[in-house]
C-alpha atoms as a PDB file:
ATOM      1  CA  MET A   1      11.143 -21.847   0.128  1.00  0.00           C
ATOM      2  CA  ILE A   2      14.406 -20.387  -1.158  1.00  0.00           C
ATOM      3  CA  ASP A   3      15.874 -20.728   2.359  1.00  0.00           C
ATOM      4  CA  TYR A   4      14.222 -24.098   3.058  1.00  0.00           C
ATOM      5  CA  ASN A   5      17.473 -25.752   4.197  1.00  0.00           C
ATOM      6  CA  LYS A   6      18.523 -22.778   6.348  1.00  0.00           C
ATOM      7  CA  TYR A   7      15.840 -23.125   9.026  1.00  0.00           C
ATOM      8  CA  ASP A   8      14.470 -25.865  11.265  1.00  0.00           C
ATOM      9  CA  LYS A   9      10.812 -24.873  11.489  1.00  0.00           C
ATOM     10  CA  ALA A  10       8.576 -22.239   9.903  1.00  0.00           C
ATOM     11  CA  VAL A  11       5.900 -20.075  11.500  1.00  0.00           C
ATOM     12  CA  ILE A  12       3.298 -18.764   9.071  1.00  0.00           C
ATOM     13  CA  VAL A  13       0.966 -15.909  10.011  1.00  0.00           C
ATOM     14  CA  THR A  14      -2.094 -15.953   7.760  1.00  0.00           C
ATOM     15  CA  SER A  15      -5.741 -16.885   7.374  1.00  0.00           C
ATOM     16  CA  ASP A  16      -5.490 -17.071   3.602  1.00  0.00           C
ATOM     17  CA  GLY A  17      -6.172 -20.340   1.802  1.00  0.00           C
ATOM     18  CA  ASP A  18      -3.551 -19.398  -0.797  1.00  0.00           C
ATOM     19  CA  PHE A  19      -1.008 -20.687   1.721  1.00  0.00           C
ATOM     20  CA  TYR A  20      -2.568 -24.171   1.730  1.00  0.00           C
ATOM     21  CA  SER A  21       0.065 -25.762  -0.529  1.00  0.00           C
ATOM     22  CA  LEU A  22       2.979 -24.259   1.379  1.00  0.00           C
ATOM     23  CA  THR A  23       1.494 -25.236   4.739  1.00  0.00           C
ATOM     24  CA  ASP A  24       0.716 -28.754   3.561  1.00  0.00           C
ATOM     25  CA  TYR A  25       4.233 -29.222   2.166  1.00  0.00           C
ATOM     26  CA  LEU A  26       5.936 -27.927   5.318  1.00  0.00           C
ATOM     27  CA  TYR A  27       3.684 -30.055   7.548  1.00  0.00           C
ATOM     28  CA  LYS A  28       4.389 -33.240   5.603  1.00  0.00           C
ATOM     29  CA  ASN A  29       8.139 -32.549   5.713  1.00  0.00           C
ATOM     30  CA  LYS A  30       8.129 -31.780   9.470  1.00  0.00           C
ATOM     31  CA  LYS A  31       9.191 -28.185   8.866  1.00  0.00           C
ATOM     32  CA  LEU A  32       6.019 -26.488  10.151  1.00  0.00           C
ATOM     33  CA  LYS A  33       6.216 -25.127  13.677  1.00  0.00           C
ATOM     34  CA  MET A  34       2.774 -23.500  13.569  1.00  0.00           C
ATOM     35  CA  VAL A  35       0.309 -21.366  11.701  1.00  0.00           C
ATOM     36  CA  LEU A  36      -0.894 -18.267  13.542  1.00  0.00           C
ATOM     37  CA  SER A  37      -4.259 -17.212  12.207  1.00  0.00           C
ATOM     38  CA  PRO A  38      -5.624 -13.853  13.333  1.00  0.00           C
ATOM     39  CA  ASP A  39      -9.233 -14.988  13.492  1.00  0.00           C
ATOM     40  CA  TYR A  40     -11.041 -18.348  13.612  1.00  0.00           C
ATOM     41  CA  ASP A  41     -14.159 -17.143  11.799  1.00  0.00           C
ATOM     42  CA  ASN A  42     -12.250 -15.788   8.800  1.00  0.00           C
ATOM     43  CA  CYS A  43      -9.655 -18.534   8.455  1.00  0.00           C
ATOM     44  CA  SER A  44      -9.633 -20.686   5.337  1.00  0.00           C
ATOM     45  CA  ILE A  45     -10.886 -24.242   5.825  1.00  0.00           C
ATOM     46  CA  LEU A  46      -8.108 -25.438   3.502  1.00  0.00           C
ATOM     47  CA  LEU A  47      -5.522 -23.852   5.774  1.00  0.00           C
ATOM     48  CA  THR A  48      -6.957 -25.474   8.899  1.00  0.00           C
ATOM     49  CA  LYS A  49      -6.918 -28.862   7.148  1.00  0.00           C
ATOM     50  CA  ALA A  50      -3.291 -28.451   6.069  1.00  0.00           C
ATOM     51  CA  ALA A  51      -2.001 -27.225   9.442  1.00  0.00           C
ATOM     52  CA  LYS A  52      -4.012 -29.764  11.459  1.00  0.00           C
ATOM     53  CA  GLU A  53      -3.041 -29.503  15.157  1.00  0.00           C
ATOM     54  CA  LYS A  54      -0.400 -26.856  14.434  1.00  0.00           C
ATOM     55  CA  ILE A  55      -2.801 -23.952  13.968  1.00  0.00           C
ATOM     56  CA  VAL A  56      -3.385 -21.366  16.687  1.00  0.00           C
ATOM     57  CA  PHE A  57      -6.044 -18.697  16.445  1.00  0.00           C
ATOM     58  CA  MET A  58      -4.867 -15.392  17.815  1.00  0.00           C
ATOM     59  CA  ASP A  59      -8.369 -14.279  18.800  1.00  0.00           C
ATOM     60  CA  ASN A  60      -8.280 -17.115  21.370  1.00  0.00           C
ATOM     61  CA  LEU A  61      -5.050 -15.698  22.808  1.00  0.00           C
ATOM     62  CA  ARG A  62      -6.517 -12.320  23.644  1.00  0.00           C
ATOM     63  CA  LYS A  63      -7.269 -13.094  27.300  1.00  0.00           C
ATOM     64  CA  LYS A  64      -3.761 -14.458  27.810  1.00  0.00           C
ATOM     65  CA  LEU A  65      -2.022 -11.538  26.116  1.00  0.00           C
ATOM     66  CA  GLU A  66      -4.106  -8.475  26.912  1.00  0.00           C
ATOM     67  CA  HIS A  67      -2.843  -5.935  29.395  1.00  0.00           C
ATOM     68  CA  LYS A  68      -4.743  -5.913  32.652  1.00  0.00           C
ATOM     69  CA  LYS A  69      -4.716  -2.894  34.895  1.00  0.00           C
ATOM     70  CA  ASN A  70      -3.279  -3.564  38.306  1.00  0.00           C
ATOM     71  CA  THR A  71      -6.088  -2.905  40.804  1.00  0.00           C
ATOM     72  CA  GLU A  72      -3.634  -2.920  43.735  1.00  0.00           C
ATOM     73  CA  MET A  73      -1.841   0.137  42.331  1.00  0.00           C
ATOM     74  CA  LYS A  74      -5.141   2.052  42.120  1.00  0.00           C
ATOM     75  CA  LYS A  75      -5.892   1.390  45.799  1.00  0.00           C
ATOM     76  CA  HIS A  76      -2.623   3.057  46.882  1.00  0.00           C
ATOM     77  CA  ARG A  77      -3.084   6.255  44.853  1.00  0.00           C
END
């Protein structure tokens, strides 16, 4: 919050409900880009309420981000 006027949007990485007030404040003031939560099952309900549509659960991103072995390369070895 010290640098509040020095940035356009904030990205918060947490699942902790202690960040509810900060998330709520940033959301209401259009300064929240997104909240990245590592895990849906362990994320605070307060945090999900404060972030609304701006929360992304990283466990849902696994299939998009994981490294997949190239099967074509194996065929040519």
